[in-house]
Amino acid sequence: MAEVDVDDMPDVRETFRVRSVPTLVMLKNGQEVDSLVGSQPVENVHTWINHTIEA
């Protein structure tokens, strides 16, 4: 897990097309597999993580 300040790292912001904060990006083998945008209840984040891992 990593946290990035996209104001300090615009190249990361562009690479992952971050347009809103917070944005969570799931990577597998260095490749983006999914993202979740906006503030979410913790249950939604857990569901998203589990669904993405199982896919």
C-alpha atoms as a PDB file:
ATOM      1  CA  MET A   1       0.000   0.000   0.000  1.00  0.00           C
ATOM      2  CA  ALA A   2       1.204   3.515  -0.780  1.00  0.00           C
ATOM      3  CA  GLU A   3      -0.145   6.997  -0.311  1.00  0.00           C
ATOM      4  CA  VAL A   4       0.744   9.659  -2.857  1.00  0.00           C
ATOM      5  CA  ASP A   5       0.254  13.423  -2.661  1.00  0.00           C
ATOM      6  CA  VAL A   6      -0.800  14.030  -6.269  1.00  0.00           C
ATOM      7  CA  ASP A   7      -0.096  17.756  -5.911  1.00  0.00           C
ATOM      8  CA  ASP A   8       3.558  16.903  -5.296  1.00  0.00           C
ATOM      9  CA  MET A   9       3.664  14.140  -7.932  1.00  0.00           C
ATOM     10  CA  PRO A  10       1.759  15.276 -11.035  1.00  0.00           C
ATOM     11  CA  ASP A  11       3.268  12.482 -13.139  1.00  0.00           C
ATOM     12  CA  VAL A  12       1.553   9.903 -10.907  1.00  0.00           C
ATOM     13  CA  ARG A  13      -1.684  11.909 -11.069  1.00  0.00           C
ATOM     14  CA  GLU A  14      -1.573  11.825 -14.883  1.00  0.00           C
ATOM     15  CA  THR A  15      -0.511   8.184 -15.135  1.00  0.00           C
ATOM     16  CA  PHE A  16      -3.509   7.049 -13.092  1.00  0.00           C
ATOM     17  CA  ARG A  17      -5.875   9.776 -14.370  1.00  0.00           C
ATOM     18  CA  VAL A  18      -6.660  11.036 -10.864  1.00  0.00           C
ATOM     19  CA  ARG A  19      -9.305  13.743 -11.162  1.00  0.00           C
ATOM     20  CA  SER A  20     -10.752  13.542  -7.658  1.00  0.00           C
ATOM     21  CA  VAL A  21      -9.355  12.925  -4.203  1.00  0.00           C
ATOM     22  CA  PRO A  22      -9.506  10.409  -2.722  1.00  0.00           C
ATOM     23  CA  THR A  23      -8.869   7.924  -5.512  1.00  0.00           C
ATOM     24  CA  LEU A  24      -7.833   4.358  -4.728  1.00  0.00           C
ATOM     25  CA  VAL A  25      -6.027   2.415  -7.440  1.00  0.00           C
ATOM     26  CA  MET A  26      -5.609  -1.363  -7.364  1.00  0.00           C
ATOM     27  CA  LEU A  27      -2.471  -2.637  -9.096  1.00  0.00           C
ATOM     28  CA  LYS A  28      -1.555  -6.198 -10.024  1.00  0.00           C
ATOM     29  CA  ASN A  29       1.932  -6.886 -11.343  1.00  0.00           C
ATOM     30  CA  GLY A  30       2.402  -3.142 -11.755  1.00  0.00           C
ATOM     31  CA  GLN A  31      -0.698  -2.735 -13.920  1.00  0.00           C
ATOM     32  CA  GLU A  32      -3.885  -0.938 -12.908  1.00  0.00           C
ATOM     33  CA  VAL A  33      -6.776  -3.382 -12.580  1.00  0.00           C
ATOM     34  CA  ASP A  34      -9.405  -1.144 -10.962  1.00  0.00           C
ATOM     35  CA  SER A  35      -9.985   2.144  -9.185  1.00  0.00           C
ATOM     36  CA  LEU A  36     -12.422   3.555  -6.669  1.00  0.00           C
ATOM     37  CA  VAL A  37     -13.112   7.290  -6.659  1.00  0.00           C
ATOM     38  CA  GLY A  38     -14.489   9.423  -3.870  1.00  0.00           C
ATOM     39  CA  SER A  39     -14.963   9.055  -0.162  1.00  0.00           C
ATOM     40  CA  GLN A  40     -16.521   5.664   0.573  1.00  0.00           C
ATOM     41  CA  PRO A  41     -17.750   3.897   3.699  1.00  0.00           C
ATOM     42  CA  VAL A  42     -15.204   1.354   4.916  1.00  0.00           C
ATOM     43  CA  GLU A  43     -17.592  -1.492   4.029  1.00  0.00           C
ATOM     44  CA  ASN A  44     -17.586  -0.380   0.372  1.00  0.00           C
ATOM     45  CA  VAL A  45     -13.793  -0.279   0.323  1.00  0.00           C
ATOM     46  CA  HIS A  46     -13.563  -3.779   1.801  1.00  0.00           C
ATOM     47  CA  THR A  47     -16.091  -5.087  -0.741  1.00  0.00           C
ATOM     48  CA  TRP A  48     -14.177  -3.411  -3.592  1.00  0.00           C
ATOM     49  CA  ILE A  49     -10.871  -4.899  -2.440  1.00  0.00           C
ATOM     50  CA  ASN A  50     -12.317  -8.393  -2.053  1.00  0.00           C
ATOM     51  CA  HIS A  51     -14.141  -8.254  -5.402  1.00  0.00           C
ATOM     52  CA  THR A  52     -11.051  -7.000  -7.234  1.00  0.00           C
ATOM     53  CA  ILE A  53      -8.779  -9.627  -5.674  1.00  0.00           C
ATOM     54  CA  GLU A  54     -11.198 -12.427  -6.590  1.00  0.00           C
ATOM     55  CA  ALA A  55     -11.608 -11.240 -10.204  1.00  0.00           C
END
